[in-house]
Every structure is written in C-alpha cells, then in structure tokens.
Amino acid sequence: MALAELAAESQDQAAAEEAQSLLAEAKQALANLEAASLLGGEYDRNDAILSINAGAGGTEACDWVDMLARMYLRWAERHGFTTEVVDQTPGEQAGSKSVTMVVRGPFAYGQLQAERGVHRLVRLSPFDAAHRRHTTFASVDAVPEIEESDFELSPDDLKVETYRSTGAGGQHVNKTESAVRLTHLPTGLVAQSQNERSQHQNRATALGVLRARVAEHHRRQQEEKLAALRGEQTAIAWGNQIRSYVLHPYNMVKDHRTGLETGNTAAVLDGELDGFIQCYLEFAAAKG
C-alpha cells in the first residue's frame, strides 16, 4: 500500500497505524466476499434460527450449552448482527437444557449452517468435586427464518399450549401464562417462546420458529428422497460429531469434517469462528 510505504519512509507512526487499520479492513472485506461467493443457496441470505440442546452429561452438558450460546452471540456481535434469545430452558443446577436464538444479518443462515451437528467438549469439570476430566456433548441446529408468504402453516395443524415462563423477565412474565408452546401435529415438531412479556408476542415468535423448522423438515425429506433415488448414503446430521473442543490435557479445537484445528481455544469460544465456517463452506462446495 502507498500509505504504508510513505509511513515507513517518513517514520510516521500515526500513518503506519492507519495503514494497518485499512489493510485489516481490506482483508476482512475480501474474506467476506470469498464467503459470499460460496453462499448461493436459496435461503443462504436469510436470518438464522439457531437451536442448542444439551446431550448426555447432566449439569456439565447444560453448562456446555451456555458456553456455545455465548460463543455464537459473540460471533454475531463481531459481524454486527443482531440477536434475540427467544427461548431458554434452564438446567436443574446450572446452565441451560436448551437455547433458541434468532440471528439477524446478511447471510446469517448461510454461515451458521456450517455449525449444524454435535459439538464435543473435553475439560476438567468445575461441577466435579474430584475435578476429573469429563466429556460432554451438545447438538446445534440452524434453520433459515422463513417469511410467512414463502411457507404457510394451517391453523388446523397446530396445537397451542400456554404456560408460565420459567426464565428471567420479572413479575409479570413469571406470574401469567404468557409463554406459548406450538406443536405441528403432522410432523410432531415443537417451538416455544417465553422471553416476551405478552402471550401474543410469544405466539408470533414461536410461530416464526415453527414455520422455519417445518419448512426445513420438508426440505430435508426431499433431499433424502432424491438421495435414495440416486442410491446415495445420507448422513444424519443430528448424530454427527462435527467438532471437538479439548481444554484438558491440552488445548485444541478440531473440526472433524475439514481437519482444520487450532490451539487457541479461548479465541474460538469467544466467537472467532470465521476460519472454521469458511473452511467448511469450501469443503461443502468441493463436495458439490
């Protein structure tokens, strides 16, 4: 860069810092363009609905859900995306059994689809009095947020239940049946919302989540039918361990699909996921 050369010649520290800042911005813009070039799916530009659920491991697994939720919230913050936690079921002692959030921003779904699968954590458990090493799991699912005009749900197919919120939100939220749970009877899929103050708001939020899940369910069914016709073996994404986060006896995060790994576990858990997402998108594009 001309500015960097001039700064070096004149030994201008302010100009050098400005040049470094501009270079970093240019690198980020290039990375964003490269990522966007790999995101040509029908819903890749859409906002994303991200669901995290505890697997085996009790309190340890519930704490892992909270760690993953924080990781994705920090990732979204780094990109200037907005987030809304629409449902959170607390664990019995600590952490959360499940967290559902909406991430809004350009290509949010296209990027977060790279995170679908089972995430494995290995660490010395803070919940074990003997401080032994534990392995626990949580599953992550991402679906695109769908406009009502793109996919409609029949009211006759819905079971509506209301209940008192179990989360934070103050006296009104916890003492009235403002929380809403919707069940799509033909598929058995469920969505719920309890973080808004009114039942009407929670119903609208839950309906949006359910619409996205049902649409994604039908899309995956179609993919499985086409794969069966082609004689292909299709993997069940929900059961695949896609990434391991090892905090003891060494530090490593490794993506088992692409082979990408790093020893900077703290940075990854603080939201530095772009390398893993970019590598997966390239990997998926190469597979066709």
Protein backbone atom coordinates (compact mmCIF):
# COMPACT_ATOMS: atom_id res chain seq x y z
CA MET A 1 0.00 0.00 0.00
CA ALA A 2 1.20 3.51 -0.84
CA LEU A 3 0.23 4.81 2.60
CA ALA A 4 2.31 2.12 4.32
CA GLU A 5 5.33 2.92 2.14
CA LEU A 6 5.01 6.64 2.86
CA ALA A 7 4.65 5.96 6.58
CA ALA A 8 7.80 3.81 6.54
CA GLU A 9 9.79 6.46 4.68
CA SER A 10 8.69 9.29 6.95
CA GLN A 11 8.60 7.14 10.10
CA ASP A 12 5.08 8.47 10.76
CA GLN A 13 3.59 6.26 13.48
CA ALA A 14 0.03 7.59 13.04
CA ALA A 15 0.14 6.95 9.30
CA ALA A 16 1.54 3.46 9.91
CA GLU A 17 -1.31 2.63 12.28
CA GLU A 18 -3.84 3.97 9.78
CA ALA A 19 -2.30 1.84 7.05
CA GLN A 20 -2.52 -1.27 9.26
CA SER A 21 -6.16 -0.49 10.02
CA LEU A 22 -7.00 -0.07 6.33
CA LEU A 23 -5.19 -3.30 5.48
CA ALA A 24 -7.15 -5.19 8.14
CA GLU A 25 -10.41 -3.77 6.78
CA ALA A 26 -9.45 -4.78 3.25
CA LYS A 27 -8.59 -8.32 4.36
CA GLN A 28 -11.93 -8.62 6.17
CA ALA A 29 -13.82 -7.30 3.13
CA LEU A 30 -12.02 -9.83 0.91
CA ALA A 31 -12.85 -12.65 3.34
CA ASN A 32 -16.50 -11.57 3.34
CA LEU A 33 -16.56 -11.59 -0.48
CA GLU A 34 -14.99 -15.05 -0.59
CA ALA A 35 -17.57 -16.34 1.89
CA ALA A 36 -20.44 -14.74 -0.03
CA SER A 37 -19.24 -16.39 -3.25
CA LEU A 38 -19.82 -19.77 -1.59
CA LEU A 39 -23.31 -18.88 -0.40
CA GLY A 40 -25.66 -19.31 -3.31
CA GLY A 41 -28.33 -21.46 -1.69
CA GLU A 42 -31.99 -20.49 -1.81
CA TYR A 43 -32.06 -19.30 1.80
CA ASP A 44 -28.39 -18.54 2.43
CA ARG A 45 -29.08 -14.79 2.64
CA ASN A 46 -31.77 -15.30 5.29
CA ASP A 47 -31.62 -14.74 9.02
CA ALA A 48 -30.97 -17.87 11.05
CA ILE A 49 -32.74 -19.64 13.88
CA LEU A 50 -30.12 -21.42 15.97
CA SER A 51 -31.03 -24.12 18.48
CA ILE A 52 -28.61 -25.62 21.01
CA ASN A 53 -29.60 -28.67 23.07
CA ALA A 54 -27.78 -30.48 25.86
CA GLY A 55 -26.75 -34.07 25.26
CA ALA A 56 -25.54 -36.65 27.76
CA GLY A 57 -23.68 -35.21 30.71
CA GLY A 58 -26.21 -33.66 33.09
CA THR A 59 -25.11 -30.31 34.54
CA GLU A 60 -21.87 -30.44 32.55
CA ALA A 61 -23.86 -30.65 29.29
CA CYS A 62 -26.14 -27.78 30.36
CA ASP A 63 -23.11 -25.61 31.07
CA TRP A 64 -21.73 -26.52 27.64
CA VAL A 65 -24.98 -25.26 26.07
CA ASP A 66 -24.43 -21.88 27.75
CA MET A 67 -20.81 -21.79 26.57
CA LEU A 68 -21.87 -22.47 22.98
CA ALA A 69 -24.67 -19.89 23.18
CA ARG A 70 -22.16 -17.28 24.34
CA MET A 71 -19.79 -18.29 21.53
CA TYR A 72 -22.44 -17.71 18.86
CA LEU A 73 -23.63 -14.47 20.44
CA ARG A 74 -20.06 -13.17 20.39
CA TRP A 75 -19.62 -14.33 16.78
CA ALA A 76 -22.76 -12.44 15.78
CA GLU A 77 -21.59 -9.36 17.67
CA ARG A 78 -18.28 -9.43 15.78
CA HIS A 79 -20.22 -9.32 12.49
CA GLY A 80 -22.56 -6.55 13.60
CA PHE A 81 -25.53 -8.94 13.55
CA THR A 82 -28.47 -8.59 15.93
CA THR A 83 -29.53 -11.49 18.13
CA GLU A 84 -32.61 -12.41 20.12
CA VAL A 85 -32.83 -15.31 22.54
CA VAL A 86 -36.44 -16.44 22.09
CA ASP A 87 -36.42 -19.47 24.37
CA GLN A 88 -34.16 -20.80 27.11
CA THR A 89 -34.83 -23.77 29.35
CA PRO A 90 -32.64 -23.66 32.48
CA GLY A 91 -30.79 -26.71 33.73
CA GLU A 92 -31.62 -28.21 37.11
CA GLN A 93 -28.42 -26.96 38.77
CA ALA A 94 -26.66 -24.70 36.27
CA GLY A 95 -26.56 -23.85 32.59
CA SER A 96 -29.39 -24.46 30.14
CA LYS A 97 -31.01 -27.58 28.75
CA SER A 98 -31.70 -25.70 25.54
CA VAL A 99 -31.33 -22.26 23.98
CA THR A 100 -33.04 -20.98 20.84
CA MET A 101 -31.93 -17.69 19.32
CA VAL A 102 -32.59 -15.73 16.14
CA VAL A 103 -29.50 -14.28 14.45
CA ARG A 104 -30.28 -11.47 12.00
CA GLY A 105 -27.75 -10.27 9.44
CA PRO A 106 -26.62 -10.77 5.83
CA PHE A 107 -26.01 -14.47 5.10
CA ALA A 108 -26.55 -15.40 8.76
CA TYR A 109 -28.10 -18.74 7.84
CA GLY A 110 -25.64 -19.41 5.03
CA GLN A 111 -22.79 -19.18 7.51
CA LEU A 112 -24.38 -20.78 10.56
CA GLN A 113 -25.48 -23.87 8.64
CA ALA A 114 -21.79 -24.82 8.96
CA GLU A 115 -22.39 -25.30 12.69
CA ARG A 116 -25.07 -28.00 12.42
CA GLY A 117 -24.17 -31.17 14.26
CA VAL A 118 -22.84 -32.42 17.57
CA HIS A 119 -20.19 -30.42 19.42
CA ARG A 120 -17.97 -32.29 21.91
CA LEU A 121 -16.31 -30.74 24.96
CA VAL A 122 -13.45 -32.29 26.96
CA ARG A 123 -12.34 -30.50 30.13
CA LEU A 124 -11.79 -30.72 33.88
CA SER A 125 -15.33 -30.29 35.14
CA PRO A 126 -15.96 -27.42 37.58
CA PHE A 127 -19.01 -29.38 38.76
CA ASP A 128 -17.00 -32.45 39.82
CA ALA A 129 -15.71 -32.27 43.40
CA ALA A 130 -12.79 -34.51 42.39
CA HIS A 131 -12.08 -32.20 39.44
CA ARG A 132 -11.92 -35.10 36.99
CA ARG A 133 -11.88 -34.84 33.23
CA HIS A 134 -15.33 -35.05 31.62
CA THR A 135 -16.53 -35.42 28.04
CA THR A 136 -19.91 -33.96 27.18
CA PHE A 137 -21.96 -33.18 24.10
CA ALA A 138 -24.44 -30.63 22.79
CA SER A 139 -26.23 -30.54 19.45
CA VAL A 140 -26.56 -27.42 17.32
CA ASP A 141 -29.13 -26.93 14.59
CA ALA A 142 -29.59 -23.98 12.26
CA VAL A 143 -32.59 -23.30 10.03
CA PRO A 144 -33.35 -20.25 7.89
CA GLU A 145 -36.02 -17.84 9.06
CA ILE A 146 -38.87 -18.10 6.52
CA GLU A 147 -41.35 -15.40 5.54
CA GLU A 148 -45.00 -16.30 6.02
CA SER A 149 -45.62 -15.72 2.30
CA ASP A 150 -42.98 -18.35 1.47
CA PHE A 151 -44.37 -21.11 3.68
CA GLU A 152 -47.77 -21.23 5.36
CA LEU A 153 -48.86 -23.36 8.30
CA SER A 154 -52.50 -24.40 8.54
CA PRO A 155 -54.10 -23.43 11.88
CA ASP A 156 -55.77 -26.85 11.90
CA ASP A 157 -52.34 -28.49 12.11
CA LEU A 158 -51.32 -26.57 15.23
CA LYS A 159 -51.70 -27.44 18.90
CA VAL A 160 -51.38 -24.34 21.09
CA GLU A 161 -50.40 -24.51 24.77
CA THR A 162 -49.75 -21.67 27.20
CA TYR A 163 -47.80 -21.83 30.45
CA ARG A 164 -45.92 -19.66 32.92
CA SER A 165 -42.43 -18.61 31.93
CA THR A 166 -39.61 -20.33 33.81
CA GLY A 167 -36.93 -17.82 32.84
CA ALA A 168 -36.00 -14.29 33.75
CA GLY A 169 -38.33 -11.48 32.90
CA GLY A 170 -39.84 -10.09 36.04
CA GLN A 171 -43.04 -10.50 37.98
CA HIS A 172 -45.47 -10.16 35.07
CA VAL A 173 -43.74 -12.76 32.90
CA ASN A 174 -43.42 -15.35 35.65
CA LYS A 175 -46.95 -14.96 37.14
CA THR A 176 -49.04 -15.07 33.97
CA GLU A 177 -49.38 -17.74 31.30
CA SER A 178 -47.53 -15.63 28.74
CA ALA A 179 -45.29 -18.40 27.41
CA VAL A 180 -46.51 -20.27 24.32
CA ARG A 181 -45.70 -23.73 23.01
CA LEU A 182 -46.79 -24.69 19.48
CA THR A 183 -46.83 -28.26 18.15
CA HIS A 184 -47.13 -29.05 14.44
CA LEU A 185 -49.31 -32.15 14.60
CA PRO A 186 -48.38 -33.73 11.21
CA THR A 187 -44.64 -33.72 11.99
CA GLY A 188 -44.56 -33.51 15.79
CA LEU A 189 -42.19 -30.55 15.62
CA VAL A 190 -42.37 -28.11 18.54
CA ALA A 191 -41.45 -24.46 19.03
CA GLN A 192 -41.89 -22.32 22.10
CA SER A 193 -41.23 -18.78 23.25
CA GLN A 194 -41.26 -17.41 26.78
CA ASN A 195 -38.99 -14.36 26.72
CA GLU A 196 -41.54 -11.76 25.57
CA ARG A 197 -43.89 -10.04 28.01
CA SER A 198 -47.16 -10.79 26.20
CA GLN A 199 -48.71 -14.06 25.07
CA HIS A 200 -49.39 -12.50 21.66
CA GLN A 201 -45.71 -11.66 21.14
CA ASN A 202 -44.61 -15.11 22.27
CA ARG A 203 -47.11 -16.78 19.94
CA ALA A 204 -45.83 -14.75 16.96
CA THR A 205 -42.23 -15.60 17.82
CA ALA A 206 -42.96 -19.30 18.32
CA LEU A 207 -44.90 -19.40 15.05
CA GLY A 208 -41.92 -17.97 13.18
CA VAL A 209 -39.60 -20.58 14.68
CA LEU A 210 -42.03 -23.42 13.98
CA ARG A 211 -42.56 -22.27 10.38
CA ALA A 212 -38.81 -22.39 9.80
CA ARG A 213 -38.45 -25.83 11.38
CA VAL A 214 -41.32 -27.35 9.40
CA ALA A 215 -40.02 -25.85 6.14
CA GLU A 216 -36.55 -27.24 6.85
CA HIS A 217 -38.04 -30.63 7.75
CA HIS A 218 -39.76 -30.83 4.36
CA ARG A 219 -36.61 -29.69 2.57
CA ARG A 220 -34.51 -32.39 4.24
CA GLN A 221 -37.13 -35.01 3.44
CA GLN A 222 -36.93 -34.06 -0.23
CA GLU A 223 -33.14 -34.29 -0.14
CA GLU A 224 -33.32 -37.76 1.42
CA LYS A 225 -35.79 -38.94 -1.23
CA LEU A 226 -33.55 -37.67 -4.04
CA ALA A 227 -30.52 -39.29 -2.42
CA ALA A 228 -32.39 -42.58 -2.10
CA LEU A 229 -33.30 -42.45 -5.80
CA ARG A 230 -29.64 -41.88 -6.62
CA GLY A 231 -28.58 -44.70 -4.30
CA GLU A 232 -26.55 -42.35 -2.09
CA GLN A 233 -25.83 -42.86 1.60
CA THR A 234 -27.04 -39.81 3.51
CA ALA A 235 -25.66 -38.90 6.92
CA ILE A 236 -27.95 -37.97 9.76
CA ALA A 237 -26.65 -34.52 10.70
CA TRP A 238 -28.13 -34.61 14.22
CA GLY A 239 -25.93 -37.58 15.17
CA ASN A 240 -22.67 -36.42 13.61
CA GLN A 241 -19.86 -35.19 15.84
CA ILE A 242 -18.57 -32.29 13.79
CA ARG A 243 -16.16 -30.58 16.18
CA SER A 244 -14.23 -31.25 19.37
CA TYR A 245 -13.19 -28.62 21.90
CA VAL A 246 -10.44 -30.02 24.13
CA LEU A 247 -9.46 -27.93 27.18
CA HIS A 248 -7.53 -30.66 29.02
CA PRO A 249 -4.89 -32.16 28.96
CA TYR A 250 -4.07 -29.81 26.04
CA ASN A 251 -5.87 -27.03 24.18
CA MET A 252 -7.30 -27.76 20.74
CA VAL A 253 -10.42 -27.17 18.70
CA LYS A 254 -10.69 -29.52 15.72
CA ASP A 255 -13.33 -29.74 13.01
CA HIS A 256 -13.67 -33.42 12.10
CA ARG A 257 -15.18 -32.70 8.68
CA THR A 258 -12.42 -30.49 7.32
CA GLY A 259 -9.48 -31.34 9.57
CA LEU A 260 -8.97 -27.67 10.50
CA GLU A 261 -7.67 -27.23 14.04
CA THR A 262 -6.30 -24.53 16.32
CA GLY A 263 -4.76 -24.41 19.76
CA ASN A 264 -6.35 -21.04 20.57
CA THR A 265 -9.44 -22.45 22.27
CA ALA A 266 -10.13 -19.22 24.16
CA ALA A 267 -10.45 -17.23 20.93
CA VAL A 268 -12.81 -19.79 19.38
CA LEU A 269 -15.03 -19.86 22.45
CA ASP A 270 -15.02 -16.07 22.31
CA GLY A 271 -16.58 -16.15 18.85
CA GLU A 272 -13.67 -16.46 16.41
CA LEU A 273 -15.40 -18.97 14.14
CA ASP A 274 -14.87 -17.48 10.70
CA GLY A 275 -11.95 -19.76 9.86
CA PHE A 276 -13.98 -22.88 10.65
CA ILE A 277 -17.03 -21.59 8.79
CA GLN A 278 -15.03 -20.56 5.71
CA CYS A 279 -13.19 -23.89 5.61
CA TYR A 280 -16.46 -25.83 5.87
CA LEU A 281 -18.10 -23.79 3.12
CA GLU A 282 -15.15 -24.51 0.81
CA PHE A 283 -15.29 -28.18 1.81
CA ALA A 284 -19.04 -28.39 1.10
CA ALA A 285 -18.64 -26.59 -2.24
CA ALA A 286 -15.89 -29.00 -3.29
CA LYS A 287 -18.16 -31.95 -2.48
CA GLY A 288 -20.74 -30.44 -4.83
